[in-house]
Structure formats: structure tokens, C-alpha cells
């Protein structure tokens, strides 16, 4: 891709990165508070668990965004991390941090393990 073609993706990724950084920094819902009422403690624990899951999801997305920005800088943006085919422009327009083409993403979503190991391991290396 040319720099002109990459520019909208880079701008969108940088904007999303700034948004995600703010979300990840907000950890107010994780505080442990003691209550004399057992039901209140259960509710607080449930809310804390939800906040932790949201933080985990947001952190993973932030890693994917940073990986996509790194791939732009290295000239690998828009190429599937698994099969090395081009990722469709429609997919990149919808999910600019996508690291896999549709076919490989479906495989990763199903938890498919090939001879090289789990496709999720590619995300770790991509981020």
C-alpha cells in the first residue's frame, strides 16, 4: 500500500489507540471494598469481575491496535499474519487493526490448532 492509502488507516488506528488508552487507565471499578452486608459484597465482586474482564478486553484491543501501527511502520500492514495473503480492503475499513484475513480469523475463532500451534500465538507475536 502507498502512504496515501495507509493514511486513513493510520489516522483511525491512532484515534482508536488514544481512546483505548483512556479506557485502560480507568480502573475505578476494580477497587476492593468491604461491606458488612454479604449481598453487597457479592454484588461488588461481580462488578469487579466485569470491570476486570472489560479491562482485559480493552488491553487486548490496544495491543492489536499497536501491532497494526507497527505493521504500518514496517510496511507489513494489510497482510495476514498467518497465510500472508492480503487482507481485503473492506475488512481493513471495518477493523483496521485486523491481523488476519477472514478465512484465518474464522479458524482462529474456532480455536483451530495447526502443526505450528494455535493461531492465537500469532497475536502475541504481532503485538
Protein backbone atom coordinates (compact mmCIF):
# COMPACT_ATOMS: atom_id res chain seq x y z
CA UNK A 1 0.00 0.00 0.00
CA UNK A 2 1.10 3.53 -0.65
CA UNK A 3 1.41 6.16 2.07
CA UNK A 4 -1.73 7.83 0.74
CA UNK A 5 -3.67 4.56 1.04
CA UNK A 6 -2.29 3.92 4.53
CA UNK A 7 -3.02 7.39 5.88
CA UNK A 8 -6.74 6.85 6.69
CA UNK A 9 -5.95 3.55 8.43
CA UNK A 10 -3.15 5.12 10.44
CA UNK A 11 -5.35 8.07 11.46
CA UNK A 12 -8.18 5.74 12.52
CA UNK A 13 -5.78 3.50 14.45
CA UNK A 14 -4.16 6.43 16.25
CA UNK A 15 -7.57 7.82 17.23
CA UNK A 16 -8.74 4.43 18.49
CA UNK A 17 -5.43 3.98 20.35
CA UNK A 18 -5.93 7.27 22.20
CA UNK A 19 -9.48 6.22 23.11
CA UNK A 20 -8.36 2.81 24.35
CA UNK A 21 -5.51 4.25 26.42
CA UNK A 22 -8.06 6.34 28.32
CA UNK A 23 -10.27 3.29 28.92
CA UNK A 24 -7.38 1.12 30.08
CA UNK A 25 -6.19 3.79 32.51
CA UNK A 26 -9.62 3.94 34.15
CA UNK A 27 -9.56 1.17 36.74
CA UNK A 28 -12.06 2.58 39.20
CA UNK A 29 -14.33 -0.49 39.13
CA UNK A 30 -11.58 -2.83 40.32
CA UNK A 31 -11.21 -1.42 43.83
CA UNK A 32 -11.91 -3.91 46.61
CA UNK A 33 -14.32 -2.55 49.16
CA UNK A 34 -15.52 -4.28 52.31
CA UNK A 35 -19.14 -4.29 53.29
CA UNK A 36 -20.92 -5.70 56.31
CA UNK A 37 -23.68 -6.99 54.05
CA UNK A 38 -22.84 -10.26 52.29
CA UNK A 39 -25.14 -9.43 49.35
CA UNK A 40 -23.36 -6.12 48.82
CA UNK A 41 -20.01 -7.93 48.79
CA UNK A 42 -21.28 -10.42 46.19
CA UNK A 43 -22.56 -7.59 44.01
CA UNK A 44 -19.27 -5.68 44.36
CA UNK A 45 -17.32 -8.83 43.48
CA UNK A 46 -19.48 -9.30 40.38
CA UNK A 47 -18.99 -5.69 39.34
CA UNK A 48 -15.24 -6.01 39.95
CA UNK A 49 -15.09 -9.17 37.80
CA UNK A 50 -16.93 -7.36 34.99
CA UNK A 51 -14.52 -4.40 35.25
CA UNK A 52 -11.54 -6.77 35.08
CA UNK A 53 -12.95 -8.53 32.01
CA UNK A 54 -13.57 -5.19 30.32
CA UNK A 55 -10.04 -4.08 31.14
CA UNK A 56 -8.66 -7.33 29.74
CA UNK A 57 -10.69 -6.93 26.53
CA UNK A 58 -9.64 -3.30 26.15
CA UNK A 59 -5.99 -4.17 26.79
CA UNK A 60 -6.10 -6.88 24.13
CA UNK A 61 -7.64 -4.47 21.64
CA UNK A 62 -4.99 -1.86 22.47
CA UNK A 63 -2.28 -4.48 21.81
CA UNK A 64 -3.86 -5.29 18.44
CA UNK A 65 -4.01 -1.60 17.54
CA UNK A 66 -0.36 -1.08 18.48
CA UNK A 67 0.55 -4.14 16.42
CA UNK A 68 -1.28 -2.71 13.41
CA UNK A 69 0.52 0.63 13.81
CA UNK A 70 3.82 -1.23 14.00
CA UNK A 71 2.92 -3.18 10.83
CA UNK A 72 2.23 0.14 9.08
CA UNK A 73 5.66 1.42 10.12
CA UNK A 74 7.32 -1.80 8.97
CA UNK A 75 5.41 -2.00 5.69
CA UNK A 76 3.53 -5.20 6.57
CA UNK A 77 0.09 -3.68 7.11
CA UNK A 78 -2.78 -5.41 5.32
CA UNK A 79 -1.04 -8.79 5.11
CA UNK A 80 -2.45 -11.76 7.05
CA UNK A 81 -0.21 -12.84 9.91
CA UNK A 82 -0.94 -16.49 9.22
CA UNK A 83 -1.29 -17.13 5.47
CA UNK A 84 0.48 -13.94 4.33
CA UNK A 85 -2.29 -13.14 1.82
CA UNK A 86 -3.62 -9.59 1.52
CA UNK A 87 -6.44 -8.71 3.89
CA UNK A 88 -9.41 -7.33 1.97
CA UNK A 89 -9.79 -3.53 1.97
CA UNK A 90 -13.39 -3.95 3.19
CA UNK A 91 -12.17 -5.86 6.26
CA UNK A 92 -9.49 -3.27 6.97
CA UNK A 93 -12.04 -0.47 6.61
CA UNK A 94 -14.26 -2.18 9.20
CA UNK A 95 -11.48 -3.44 11.50
CA UNK A 96 -8.24 -1.57 10.74
CA UNK A 97 -6.35 -3.50 13.44
CA UNK A 98 -7.21 -6.84 11.79
CA UNK A 99 -4.18 -9.10 11.67
CA UNK A 100 -5.84 -11.99 9.89
CA UNK A 101 -7.80 -12.36 6.67
CA UNK A 102 -11.40 -13.51 7.08
CA UNK A 103 -10.56 -17.18 6.50
CA UNK A 104 -7.73 -17.26 9.05
CA UNK A 105 -9.78 -15.22 11.55
CA UNK A 106 -12.57 -17.79 11.34
CA UNK A 107 -10.02 -20.54 12.01
CA UNK A 108 -8.62 -18.60 14.98
CA UNK A 109 -12.13 -18.01 16.33
CA UNK A 110 -12.82 -21.75 16.22
CA UNK A 111 -9.64 -22.40 18.17
CA UNK A 112 -8.15 -24.46 15.37
CA UNK A 113 -4.64 -25.70 16.04
CA UNK A 114 -2.41 -26.44 13.09
CA UNK A 115 1.02 -28.09 13.11
CA UNK A 116 2.67 -24.78 14.06
CA UNK A 117 0.40 -24.27 17.08
CA UNK A 118 -2.52 -22.07 17.94
CA UNK A 119 -3.18 -19.02 15.75
CA UNK A 120 -3.68 -17.01 18.95
CA UNK A 121 0.08 -17.27 19.46
CA UNK A 122 0.46 -15.11 16.34
CA UNK A 123 -1.40 -12.30 18.12
CA UNK A 124 1.12 -12.40 20.92
CA UNK A 125 3.94 -12.06 18.41
CA UNK A 126 2.06 -9.41 16.43
CA UNK A 127 1.54 -7.08 19.38
